[in-house]
Structures are given as C-alpha cells and as structure tokens.
Amino acid sequence: VYSVSPKLGDAYCMIPIYSAHLNLGFNKGTLIPDPSGFLQGTGKLI
C-alpha cells in the first residue's frame, strides 16, 4: 500500500497480489476523475 503518511488511512493506491493475478487499486477510486474509464469495481470507494 502506498501512502502519503505512515497511516493506512492516508493511502492513495495499492497493489494486491492474488494467487493468479494482481491489481492496481485506488483507495478512494470513486472520488478521482477517470475520463478513460480504466477503473473497475462496485464498492463505495475502492
């Protein structure tokens, strides 16, 4: 997880590695502009 401080709550992106794939995640992805439509997911923020 990549953060602007030592706190997880201040994170801006992350790389979760699963058994067969990985993602570039955005902790507050619903709050950032995505004009190209790259972001996926259905959660409230991520």
ModelCIF file with pLDDT and N, C-alpha, C, O atoms, coordinates in Angstrom:
data_MODEL
#
_entry.id   MODEL 
#
_entity.id                         1 
_entity.type                       polymer 
_entity.pdbx_number_of_molecules   1 
#
_entity_poly.entity_id                      1 
_entity_poly.type                           'polypeptide(L)' 
_entity_poly.nstd_linkage                   no 
_entity_poly.nstd_monomer                   no 
_entity_poly.pdbx_seq_one_letter_code       VYSVSPKLGDAYCMIPIYSAHLNLGFNKGTLIPDPSGFLQGTGKLI 
_entity_poly.pdbx_seq_one_letter_code_can   VYSVSPKLGDAYCMIPIYSAHLNLGFNKGTLIPDPSGFLQGTGKLI 
_entity_poly.pdbx_strand_id                 A 
#
loop_
_entity_poly_seq.entity_id 
_entity_poly_seq.num 
_entity_poly_seq.mon_id 
_entity_poly_seq.hetero 
1 1  VAL n 
1 2  TYR n 
1 3  SER n 
1 4  VAL n 
1 5  SER n 
1 6  PRO n 
1 7  LYS n 
1 8  LEU n 
1 9  GLY n 
1 10 ASP n 
1 11 ALA n 
1 12 TYR n 
1 13 CYS n 
1 14 MET n 
1 15 ILE n 
1 16 PRO n 
1 17 ILE n 
1 18 TYR n 
1 19 SER n 
1 20 ALA n 
1 21 HIS n 
1 22 LEU n 
1 23 ASN n 
1 24 LEU n 
1 25 GLY n 
1 26 PHE n 
1 27 ASN n 
1 28 LYS n 
1 29 GLY n 
1 30 THR n 
1 31 LEU n 
1 32 ILE n 
1 33 PRO n 
1 34 ASP n 
1 35 PRO n 
1 36 SER n 
1 37 GLY n 
1 38 PHE n 
1 39 LEU n 
1 40 GLN n 
1 41 GLY n 
1 42 THR n 
1 43 GLY n 
1 44 LYS n 
1 45 LEU n 
1 46 ILE n 
#
_struct_asym.id          A 
_struct_asym.entity_id   1 
#
loop_
_ma_qa_metric.id 
_ma_qa_metric.mode 
_ma_qa_metric.name 
_ma_qa_metric.software_group_id 
_ma_qa_metric.type 
1 global pLDDT . pLDDT 
2 local  pLDDT . pLDDT 
#
_ma_qa_metric_global.metric_id      1 
_ma_qa_metric_global.metric_value   95.83 
_ma_qa_metric_global.model_id       1 
_ma_qa_metric_global.ordinal_id     1 
#
loop_
_ma_qa_metric_local.label_asym_id 
_ma_qa_metric_local.label_comp_id 
_ma_qa_metric_local.label_seq_id 
_ma_qa_metric_local.metric_id 
_ma_qa_metric_local.metric_value 
_ma_qa_metric_local.model_id 
_ma_qa_metric_local.ordinal_id 
A VAL 1  2 97.00 1 1  
A TYR 2  2 97.00 1 2  
A SER 3  2 97.00 1 3  
A VAL 4  2 96.00 1 4  
A SER 5  2 95.00 1 5  
A PRO 6  2 94.00 1 6  
A LYS 7  2 94.00 1 7  
A LEU 8  2 93.00 1 8  
A GLY 9  2 93.00 1 9  
A ASP 10 2 95.00 1 10 
A ALA 11 2 96.00 1 11 
A TYR 12 2 97.00 1 12 
A CYS 13 2 98.00 1 13 
A MET 14 2 98.00 1 14 
A ILE 15 2 98.00 1 15 
A PRO 16 2 97.00 1 16 
A ILE 17 2 97.00 1 17 
A TYR 18 2 95.00 1 18 
A SER 19 2 91.00 1 19 
A ALA 20 2 92.00 1 20 
A HIS 21 2 95.00 1 21 
A LEU 22 2 96.00 1 22 
A ASN 23 2 97.00 1 23 
A LEU 24 2 98.00 1 24 
A GLY 25 2 98.00 1 25 
A PHE 26 2 98.00 1 26 
A ASN 27 2 95.00 1 27 
A LYS 28 2 96.00 1 28 
A GLY 29 2 97.00 1 29 
A THR 30 2 97.00 1 30 
A LEU 31 2 97.00 1 31 
A ILE 32 2 97.00 1 32 
A PRO 33 2 96.00 1 33 
A ASP 34 2 96.00 1 34 
A PRO 35 2 95.00 1 35 
A SER 36 2 95.00 1 36 
A GLY 37 2 96.00 1 37 
A PHE 38 2 96.00 1 38 
A LEU 39 2 97.00 1 39 
A GLN 40 2 97.00 1 40 
A GLY 41 2 97.00 1 41 
A THR 42 2 95.00 1 42 
A GLY 43 2 91.00 1 43 
A LYS 44 2 95.00 1 44 
A LEU 45 2 95.00 1 45 
A ILE 46 2 96.00 1 46 
#
loop_
_atom_site.group_PDB 
_atom_site.id 
_atom_site.type_symbol 
_atom_site.label_atom_id 
_atom_site.label_alt_id 
_atom_site.label_comp_id 
_atom_site.label_asym_id 
_atom_site.label_entity_id 
_atom_site.label_seq_id 
_atom_site.pdbx_PDB_ins_code 
_atom_site.Cartn_x 
_atom_site.Cartn_y 
_atom_site.Cartn_z 
_atom_site.occupancy 
_atom_site.B_iso_or_equiv 
_atom_site.pdbx_formal_charge 
_atom_site.auth_seq_id 
_atom_site.auth_comp_id 
_atom_site.auth_asym_id 
_atom_site.auth_atom_id 
_atom_site.pdbx_PDB_model_num 
ATOM 1   N N  . VAL A 1 1  ? 0.857   -1.175  0.000   1.00 97.00 ? 1  VAL A N  1 
ATOM 2   C CA . VAL A 1 1  ? 0.000   0.000   0.000   1.00 97.00 ? 1  VAL A CA 1 
ATOM 3   C C  . VAL A 1 1  ? 0.896   1.229   0.000   1.00 97.00 ? 1  VAL A C  1 
ATOM 4   O O  . VAL A 1 1  ? 1.916   1.256   0.689   1.00 97.00 ? 1  VAL A O  1 
ATOM 5   N N  . TYR A 1 2  ? 0.523   2.239   -0.765  1.00 97.00 ? 2  TYR A N  1 
ATOM 6   C CA . TYR A 1 2  ? 1.332   3.449   -0.908  1.00 97.00 ? 2  TYR A CA 1 
ATOM 7   C C  . TYR A 1 2  ? 0.559   4.617   -0.323  1.00 97.00 ? 2  TYR A C  1 
ATOM 8   O O  . TYR A 1 2  ? -0.572  4.899   -0.720  1.00 97.00 ? 2  TYR A O  1 
ATOM 9   N N  . SER A 1 3  ? 1.199   5.298   0.636   1.00 97.00 ? 3  SER A N  1 
ATOM 10  C CA . SER A 1 3  ? 0.520   6.293   1.454   1.00 97.00 ? 3  SER A CA 1 
ATOM 11  C C  . SER A 1 3  ? 1.343   7.569   1.560   1.00 97.00 ? 3  SER A C  1 
ATOM 12  O O  . SER A 1 3  ? 2.566   7.549   1.419   1.00 97.00 ? 3  SER A O  1 
ATOM 13  N N  . VAL A 1 4  ? 0.657   8.674   1.810   1.00 96.00 ? 4  VAL A N  1 
ATOM 14  C CA . VAL A 1 4  ? 1.336   9.958   1.991   1.00 96.00 ? 4  VAL A CA 1 
ATOM 15  C C  . VAL A 1 4  ? 1.830   10.137  3.422   1.00 96.00 ? 4  VAL A C  1 
ATOM 16  O O  . VAL A 1 4  ? 2.485   11.132  3.732   1.00 96.00 ? 4  VAL A O  1 
ATOM 17  N N  . SER A 1 5  ? 1.522   9.185   4.291   1.00 95.00 ? 5  SER A N  1 
ATOM 18  C CA . SER A 1 5  ? 1.997   9.200   5.674   1.00 95.00 ? 5  SER A CA 1 
ATOM 19  C C  . SER A 1 5  ? 2.164   7.746   6.115   1.00 95.00 ? 5  SER A C  1 
ATOM 20  O O  . SER A 1 5  ? 1.884   6.835   5.336   1.00 95.00 ? 5  SER A O  1 
ATOM 21  N N  . PRO A 1 6  ? 2.608   7.514   7.334   1.00 94.00 ? 6  PRO A N  1 
ATOM 22  C CA . PRO A 1 6  ? 2.707   6.132   7.819   1.00 94.00 ? 6  PRO A CA 1 
ATOM 23  C C  . PRO A 1 6  ? 1.348   5.484   8.118   1.00 94.00 ? 6  PRO A C  1 
ATOM 24  O O  . PRO A 1 6  ? 1.291   4.323   8.522   1.00 94.00 ? 6  PRO A O  1 
ATOM 25  N N  . LYS A 1 7  ? 0.273   6.222   7.923   1.00 94.00 ? 7  LYS A N  1 
ATOM 26  C CA . LYS A 1 7  ? -1.063  5.716   8.246   1.00 94.00 ? 7  LYS A CA 1 
ATOM 27  C C  . LYS A 1 7  ? -1.741  5.099   7.026   1.00 94.00 ? 7  LYS A C  1 
ATOM 28  O O  . LYS A 1 7  ? -1.705  5.659   5.931   1.00 94.00 ? 7  LYS A O  1 
ATOM 29  N N  . LEU A 1 8  ? -2.355  3.944   7.231   1.00 93.00 ? 8  LEU A N  1 
ATOM 30  C CA . LEU A 1 8  ? -3.093  3.283   6.171   1.00 93.00 ? 8  LEU A CA 1 
ATOM 31  C C  . LEU A 1 8  ? -4.225  4.175   5.662   1.00 93.00 ? 8  LEU A C  1 
ATOM 32  O O  . LEU A 1 8  ? -4.526  4.159   4.469   1.00 93.00 ? 8  LEU A O  1 
ATOM 33  N N  . GLY A 1 9  ? -4.851  4.941   6.533   1.00 93.00 ? 9  GLY A N  1 
ATOM 34  C CA . GLY A 1 9  ? -5.937  5.825   6.138   1.00 93.00 ? 9  GLY A CA 1 
ATOM 35  C C  . GLY A 1 9  ? -5.524  6.930   5.188   1.00 93.00 ? 9  GLY A C  1 
ATOM 36  O O  . GLY A 1 9  ? -6.383  7.563   4.575   1.00 93.00 ? 9  GLY A O  1 
ATOM 37  N N  . ASP A 1 10 ? -4.229  7.178   5.050   1.00 95.00 ? 10 ASP A N  1 
ATOM 38  C CA . ASP A 1 10 ? -3.710  8.203   4.148   1.00 95.00 ? 10 ASP A CA 1 
ATOM 39  C C  . ASP A 1 10 ? -3.198  7.608   2.833   1.00 95.00 ? 10 ASP A C  1 
ATOM 40  O O  . ASP A 1 10 ? -2.492  8.275   2.076   1.00 95.00 ? 10 ASP A O  1 
ATOM 41  N N  . ALA A 1 11 ? -3.560  6.344   2.568   1.00 96.00 ? 11 ALA A N  1 
ATOM 42  C CA . ALA A 1 11 ? -3.080  5.666   1.364   1.00 96.00 ? 11 ALA A CA 1 
ATOM 43  C C  . ALA A 1 11 ? -3.805  6.172   0.125   1.00 96.00 ? 11 ALA A C  1 
ATOM 44  O O  . ALA A 1 11 ? -4.960  6.595   0.186   1.00 96.00 ? 11 ALA A O  1 
ATOM 45  N N  . TYR A 1 12 ? -3.108  6.120   -0.986  1.00 97.00 ? 12 TYR A N  1 
ATOM 46  C CA . TYR A 1 12 ? -3.695  6.546   -2.253  1.00 97.00 ? 12 TYR A CA 1 
ATOM 47  C C  . TYR A 1 12 ? -3.796  5.417   -3.271  1.00 97.00 ? 12 TYR A C  1 
ATOM 48  O O  . TYR A 1 12 ? -4.684  5.436   -4.123  1.00 97.00 ? 12 TYR A O  1 
ATOM 49  N N  . CYS A 1 13 ? -2.903  4.435   -3.198  1.00 98.00 ? 13 CYS A N  1 
ATOM 50  C CA . CYS A 1 13 ? -3.036  3.289   -4.094  1.00 98.00 ? 13 CYS A CA 1 
ATOM 51  C C  . CYS A 1 13 ? -2.406  2.059   -3.463  1.00 98.00 ? 13 CYS A C  1 
ATOM 52  O O  . CYS A 1 13 ? -1.731  2.141   -2.436  1.00 98.00 ? 13 CYS A O  1 
ATOM 53  N N  . MET A 1 14 ? -2.641  0.920   -4.096  1.00 98.00 ? 14 MET A N  1 
ATOM 54  C CA . MET A 1 14 ? -2.159  -0.351  -3.548  1.00 98.00 ? 14 MET A CA 1 
ATOM 55  C C  . MET A 1 14 ? -1.975  -1.359  -4.668  1.00 98.00 ? 14 MET A C  1 
ATOM 56  O O  . MET A 1 14 ? -2.536  -1.225  -5.755  1.00 98.00 ? 14 MET A O  1 
ATOM 57  N N  . ILE A 1 15 ? -1.177  -2.366  -4.373  1.00 98.00 ? 15 ILE A N  1 
ATOM 58  C CA . ILE A 1 15 ? -1.003  -3.480  -5.303  1.00 98.00 ? 15 ILE A CA 1 
ATOM 59  C C  . ILE A 1 15 ? -1.318  -4.771  -4.545  1.00 98.00 ? 15 ILE A C  1 
ATOM 60  O O  . ILE A 1 15 ? -0.445  -5.309  -3.864  1.00 98.00 ? 15 ILE A O  1 
ATOM 61  N N  . PRO A 1 16 ? -2.539  -5.270  -4.650  1.00 97.00 ? 16 PRO A N  1 
ATOM 62  C CA . PRO A 1 16 ? -2.832  -6.584  -4.072  1.00 97.00 ? 16 PRO A CA 1 
ATOM 63  C C  . PRO A 1 16 ? -2.436  -7.678  -5.068  1.00 97.00 ? 16 PRO A C  1 
ATOM 64  O O  . PRO A 1 16 ? -2.761  -7.607  -6.254  1.00 97.00 ? 16 PRO A O  1 
ATOM 65  N N  . ILE A 1 17 ? -1.732  -8.683  -4.563  1.00 97.00 ? 17 ILE A N  1 
ATOM 66  C CA . ILE A 1 17 ? -1.301  -9.807  -5.385  1.00 97.00 ? 17 ILE A CA 1 
ATOM 67  C C  . ILE A 1 17 ? -2.097  -11.019 -4.933  1.00 97.00 ? 17 ILE A C  1 
ATOM 68  O O  . ILE A 1 17 ? -1.963  -11.468 -3.795  1.00 97.00 ? 17 ILE A O  1 
ATOM 69  N N  . TYR A 1 18 ? -2.914  -11.539 -5.810  1.00 95.00 ? 18 TYR A N  1 
ATOM 70  C CA . TYR A 1 18 ? -3.729  -12.712 -5.523  1.00 95.00 ? 18 TYR A CA 1 
ATOM 71  C C  . TYR A 1 18 ? -3.015  -13.955 -6.042  1.00 95.00 ? 18 TYR A C  1 
ATOM 72  O O  . TYR A 1 18 ? -1.854  -13.863 -6.440  1.00 95.00 ? 18 TYR A O  1 
ATOM 73  N N  . SER A 1 19 ? -3.661  -15.096 -6.051  1.00 91.00 ? 19 SER A N  1 
ATOM 74  C CA . SER A 1 19 ? -2.984  -16.322 -6.462  1.00 91.00 ? 19 SER A CA 1 
ATOM 75  C C  . SER A 1 19 ? -2.641  -16.337 -7.953  1.00 91.00 ? 19 SER A C  1 
ATOM 76  O O  . SER A 1 19 ? -1.628  -16.921 -8.338  1.00 91.00 ? 19 SER A O  1 
ATOM 77  N N  . ALA A 1 20 ? -3.461  -15.706 -8.801  1.00 92.00 ? 20 ALA A N  1 
ATOM 78  C CA . ALA A 1 20 ? -3.196  -15.771 -10.230 1.00 92.00 ? 20 ALA A CA 1 
ATOM 79  C C  . ALA A 1 20 ? -3.221  -14.411 -10.930 1.00 92.00 ? 20 ALA A C  1 
ATOM 80  O O  . ALA A 1 20 ? -3.086  -14.354 -12.152 1.00 92.00 ? 20 ALA A O  1 
ATOM 81  N N  . HIS A 1 21 ? -3.391  -13.324 -10.191 1.00 95.00 ? 21 HIS A N  1 
ATOM 82  C CA . HIS A 1 21 ? -3.423  -12.004 -10.817 1.00 95.00 ? 21 HIS A CA 1 
ATOM 83  C C  . HIS A 1 21 ? -3.104  -10.927 -9.792  1.00 95.00 ? 21 HIS A C  1 
ATOM 84  O O  . HIS A 1 21 ? -3.031  -11.193 -8.592  1.00 95.00 ? 21 HIS A O  1 
ATOM 85  N N  . LEU A 1 22 ? -2.915  -9.711  -10.282 1.00 96.00 ? 22 LEU A N  1 
ATOM 86  C CA . LEU A 1 22 ? -2.749  -8.571  -9.378  1.00 96.00 ? 22 LEU A CA 1 
ATOM 87  C C  . LEU A 1 22 ? -3.495  -7.384  -9.947  1.00 96.00 ? 22 LEU A C  1 
ATOM 88  O O  . LEU A 1 22 ? -3.843  -7.352  -11.128 1.00 96.00 ? 22 LEU A O  1 
ATOM 89  N N  . ASN A 1 23 ? -3.733  -6.410  -9.090  1.00 97.00 ? 23 ASN A N  1 
ATOM 90  C CA . ASN A 1 23 ? -4.451  -5.192  -9.466  1.00 97.00 ? 23 ASN A CA 1 
ATOM 91  C C  . ASN A 1 23 ? -3.648  -3.977  -9.033  1.00 97.00 ? 23 ASN A C  1 
ATOM 92  O O  . ASN A 1 23 ? -2.802  -4.052  -8.142  1.00 97.00 ? 23 ASN A O  1 
ATOM 93  N N  . LEU A 1 24 ? -3.930  -2.866  -9.678  1.00 98.00 ? 24 LEU A N  1 
ATOM 94  C CA . LEU A 1 24 ? -3.502  -1.568  -9.176  1.00 98.00 ? 24 LEU A CA 1 
ATOM 95  C C  . LEU A 1 24 ? -4.766  -0.964  -8.595  1.00 98.00 ? 24 LEU A C  1 
ATOM 96  O O  . LEU A 1 24 ? -5.666  -0.558  -9.329  1.00 98.00 ? 24 LEU A O  1 
ATOM 97  N N  . GLY A 1 25 ? -4.829  -0.907  -7.268  1.00 98.00 ? 25 GLY A N  1 
ATOM 98  C CA . GLY A 1 25 ? -6.024  -0.431  -6.593  1.00 98.00 ? 25 GLY A CA 1 
ATOM 99  C C  . GLY A 1 25 ? -5.903  1.015   -6.150  1.00 98.00 ? 25 GLY A C  1 
ATOM 100 O O  . GLY A 1 25 ? -4.806  1.514   -5.896  1.00 98.00 ? 25 GLY A O  1 
ATOM 101 N N  . PHE A 1 26 ? -7.035  1.673   -6.063  1.00 98.00 ? 26 PHE A N  1 
ATOM 102 C CA . PHE A 1 26 ? -7.110  3.066   -5.619  1.00 98.00 ? 26 PHE A CA 1 
ATOM 103 C C  . PHE A 1 26 ? -8.067  3.132   -4.438  1.00 98.00 ? 26 PHE A C  1 
ATOM 104 O O  . PHE A 1 26 ? -9.256  2.844   -4.571  1.00 98.00 ? 26 PHE A O  1 
ATOM 105 N N  . ASN A 1 27 ? -7.536  3.515   -3.280  1.00 95.00 ? 27 ASN A N  1 
ATOM 106 C CA . ASN A 1 27 ? -8.300  3.514   -2.041  1.00 95.00 ? 27 ASN A CA 1 
ATOM 107 C C  . ASN A 1 27 ? -9.550  4.383   -2.106  1.00 95.00 ? 27 ASN A C  1 
ATOM 108 O O  . ASN A 1 27 ? -10.570 4.051   -1.503  1.00 95.00 ? 27 ASN A O  1 
ATOM 109 N N  . LYS A 1 28 ? -9.476  5.479   -2.824  1.00 96.00 ? 28 LYS A N  1 
ATOM 110 C CA . LYS A 1 28 ? -10.632 6.365   -2.991  1.00 96.00 ? 28 LYS A CA 1 
ATOM 111 C C  . LYS A 1 28 ? -10.902 6.565   -4.478  1.00 96.00 ? 28 LYS A C  1 
ATOM 112 O O  . LYS A 1 28 ? -11.064 7.687   -4.958  1.00 96.00 ? 28 LYS A O  1 
ATOM 113 N N  . GLY A 1 29 ? -10.944 5.455   -5.179  1.00 97.00 ? 29 GLY A N  1 
ATOM 114 C CA . GLY A 1 29 ? -11.090 5.477   -6.624  1.00 97.00 ? 29 GLY A CA 1 
ATOM 115 C C  . GLY A 1 29 ? -12.378 6.099   -7.124  1.00 97.00 ? 29 GLY A C  1 
ATOM 116 O O  . GLY A 1 29 ? -12.419 6.636   -8.231  1.00 97.00 ? 29 GLY A O  1 
ATOM 117 N N  . THR A 1 30 ? -13.434 6.033   -6.319  1.00 97.00 ? 30 THR A N  1 
ATOM 118 C CA . THR A 1 30 ? -14.691 6.642   -6.762  1.00 97.00 ? 30 THR A CA 1 
ATOM 119 C C  . THR A 1 30 ? -14.633 8.161   -6.704  1.00 97.00 ? 30 THR A C  1 
ATOM 120 O O  . THR A 1 30 ? -15.498 8.835   -7.264  1.00 97.00 ? 30 THR A O  1 
ATOM 121 N N  . LEU A 1 31 ? -13.622 8.707   -6.030  1.00 97.00 ? 31 LEU A N  1 
ATOM 122 C CA . LEU A 1 31 ? -13.519 10.151  -5.857  1.00 97.00 ? 31 LEU A CA 1 
ATOM 123 C C  . LEU A 1 31 ? -12.544 10.823  -6.813  1.00 97.00 ? 31 LEU A C  1 
ATOM 124 O O  . LEU A 1 31 ? -12.380 12.043  -6.774  1.00 97.00 ? 31 LEU A O  1 
ATOM 125 N N  . ILE A 1 32 ? -11.896 10.041  -7.669  1.00 97.00 ? 32 ILE A N  1 
ATOM 126 C CA . ILE A 1 32 ? -10.949 10.637  -8.619  1.00 97.00 ? 32 ILE A CA 1 
ATOM 127 C C  . ILE A 1 32 ? -11.518 10.557  -10.039 1.00 97.00 ? 32 ILE A C  1 
ATOM 128 O O  . ILE A 1 32 ? -12.233 9.613   -10.375 1.00 97.00 ? 32 ILE A O  1 
ATOM 129 N N  . PRO A 1 33 ? -11.196 11.549  -10.864 1.00 96.00 ? 33 PRO A N  1 
ATOM 130 C CA . PRO A 1 33 ? -11.693 11.524  -12.239 1.00 96.00 ? 33 PRO A CA 1 
ATOM 131 C C  . PRO A 1 33 ? -11.090 10.355  -13.019 1.00 96.00 ? 33 PRO A C  1 
ATOM 132 O O  . PRO A 1 33 ? -9.908  10.042  -12.872 1.00 96.00 ? 33 PRO A O  1 
ATOM 133 N N  . ASP A 1 34 ? -11.906 9.723   -13.837 1.00 96.00 ? 34 ASP A N  1 
ATOM 134 C CA . ASP A 1 34 ? -11.461 8.597   -14.658 1.00 96.00 ? 34 ASP A CA 1 
ATOM 135 C C  . ASP A 1 34 ? -12.038 8.743   -16.065 1.00 96.00 ? 34 ASP A C  1 
ATOM 136 O O  . ASP A 1 34 ? -12.859 7.927   -16.483 1.00 96.00 ? 34 ASP A O  1 
ATOM 137 N N  . PRO A 1 35 ? -11.612 9.783   -16.807 1.00 95.00 ? 35 PRO A N  1 
ATOM 138 C CA . PRO A 1 35 ? -12.203 10.035  -18.121 1.00 95.00 ? 35 PRO A CA 1 
ATOM 139 C C  . PRO A 1 35 ? -11.997 8.895   -19.124 1.00 95.00 ? 35 PRO A C  1 
ATOM 140 O O  . PRO A 1 35 ? -12.785 8.756   -20.059 1.00 95.00 ? 35 PRO A O  1 
ATOM 141 N N  . SER A 1 36 ? -10.958 8.082   -18.947 1.00 95.00 ? 36 SER A N  1 
ATOM 142 C CA . SER A 1 36 ? -10.701 6.976   -19.877 1.00 95.00 ? 36 SER A CA 1 
ATOM 143 C C  . SER A 1 36 ? -11.446 5.705   -19.503 1.00 95.00 ? 36 SER A C  1 
ATOM 144 O O  . SER A 1 36 ? -11.457 4.745   -20.273 1.00 95.00 ? 36 SER A O  1 
ATOM 145 N N  . GLY A 1 37 ? -12.070 5.688   -18.327 1.00 96.00 ? 37 GLY A N  1 
ATOM 146 C CA . GLY A 1 37 ? -12.853 4.529   -17.907 1.00 96.00 ? 37 GLY A CA 1 
ATOM 147 C C  . GLY A 1 37 ? -12.031 3.298   -17.563 1.00 96.00 ? 37 GLY A C  1 
ATOM 148 O O  . GLY A 1 37 ? -12.478 2.172   -17.779 1.00 96.00 ? 37 GLY A O  1 
ATOM 149 N N  . PHE A 1 38 ? -10.826 3.504   -17.028 1.00 96.00 ? 38 PHE A N  1 
ATOM 150 C CA . PHE A 1 38 ? -9.967  2.375   -16.667 1.00 96.00 ? 38 PHE A CA 1 
ATOM 151 C C  . PHE A 1 38 ? -10.384 1.685   -15.373 1.00 96.00 ? 38 PHE A C  1 
ATOM 152 O O  . PHE A 1 38 ? -10.184 0.480   -15.217 1.00 96.00 ? 38 PHE A O  1 
ATOM 153 N N  . LEU A 1 39 ? -10.958 2.442   -14.449 1.00 97.00 ? 39 LEU A N  1 
ATOM 154 C CA . LEU A 1 39 ? -11.217 1.902   -13.112 1.00 97.00 ? 39 LEU A CA 1 
ATOM 155 C C  . LEU A 1 39 ? -12.417 0.960   -13.102 1.00 97.00 ? 39 LEU A C  1 
ATOM 156 O O  . LEU A 1 39 ? -13.448 1.225   -13.719 1.00 97.00 ? 39 LEU A O  1 
ATOM 157 N N  . GLN A 1 40 ? -12.248 -0.149  -12.381 1.00 97.00 ? 40 GLN A N  1 
ATOM 158 C CA . GLN A 1 40 ? -13.302 -1.149  -12.237 1.00 97.00 ? 40 GLN A CA 1 
ATOM 159 C C  . GLN A 1 40 ? -13.635 -1.331  -10.767 1.00 97.00 ? 40 GLN A C  1 
ATOM 160 O O  . GLN A 1 40 ? -12.840 -0.978  -9.897  1.00 97.00 ? 40 GLN A O  1 
ATOM 161 N N  . GLY A 1 41 ? -14.807 -1.879  -10.490 1.00 97.00 ? 41 GLY A N  1 
ATOM 162 C CA . GLY A 1 41 ? -15.210 -2.177  -9.132  1.00 97.00 ? 41 GLY A CA 1 
ATOM 163 C C  . GLY A 1 41 ? -16.581 -1.607  -8.838  1.00 97.00 ? 41 GLY A C  1 
ATOM 164 O O  . GLY A 1 41 ? -17.088 -0.744  -9.555  1.00 97.00 ? 41 GLY A O  1 
ATOM 165 N N  . THR A 1 42 ? -17.174 -2.114  -7.758  1.00 95.00 ? 42 THR A N  1 
ATOM 166 C CA . THR A 1 42 ? -18.526 -1.701  -7.396  1.00 95.00 ? 42 THR A CA 1 
ATOM 167 C C  . THR A 1 42 ? -18.654 -1.238  -5.954  1.00 95.00 ? 42 THR A C  1 
ATOM 168 O O  . THR A 1 42 ? -19.755 -0.929  -5.499  1.00 95.00 ? 42 THR A O  1 
ATOM 169 N N  . GLY A 1 43 ? -17.543 -1.186  -5.229  1.00 91.00 ? 43 GLY A N  1 
ATOM 170 C CA . GLY A 1 43 ? -17.577 -0.779  -3.833  1.00 91.00 ? 43 GLY A CA 1 
ATOM 171 C C  . GLY A 1 43 ? -17.850 0.709   -3.681  1.00 91.00 ? 43 GLY A C  1 
ATOM 172 O O  . GLY A 1 43 ? -17.898 1.450   -4.663  1.00 91.00 ? 43 GLY A O  1 
ATOM 173 N N  . LYS A 1 44 ? -18.030 1.135   -2.432  1.00 95.00 ? 44 LYS A N  1 
ATOM 174 C CA . LYS A 1 44 ? -18.323 2.545   -2.166  1.00 95.00 ? 44 LYS A CA 1 
ATOM 175 C C  . LYS A 1 44 ? -17.148 3.459   -2.479  1.00 95.00 ? 44 LYS A C  1 
ATOM 176 O O  . LYS A 1 44 ? -17.360 4.596   -2.903  1.00 95.00 ? 44 LYS A O  1 
ATOM 177 N N  . LEU A 1 45 ? -15.908 2.999   -2.284  1.00 95.00 ? 45 LEU A N  1 
ATOM 178 C CA . LEU A 1 45 ? -14.735 3.842   -2.510  1.00 95.00 ? 45 LEU A CA 1 
ATOM 179 C C  . LEU A 1 45 ? -13.678 3.221   -3.418  1.00 95.00 ? 45 LEU A C  1 
ATOM 180 O O  . LEU A 1 45 ? -13.196 3.877   -4.342  1.00 95.00 ? 45 LEU A O  1 
ATOM 181 N N  . ILE A 1 46 ? -13.318 1.984   -3.172  1.00 96.00 ? 46 ILE A N  1 
ATOM 182 C CA . ILE A 1 46 ? -12.167 1.371   -3.848  1.00 96.00 ? 46 ILE A CA 1 
ATOM 183 C C  . ILE A 1 46 ? -12.499 1.015   -5.294  1.00 96.00 ? 46 ILE A C  1 
ATOM 184 O O  . ILE A 1 46 ? -11.648 0.491   -6.012  1.00 96.00 ? 46 ILE A O  1 
#
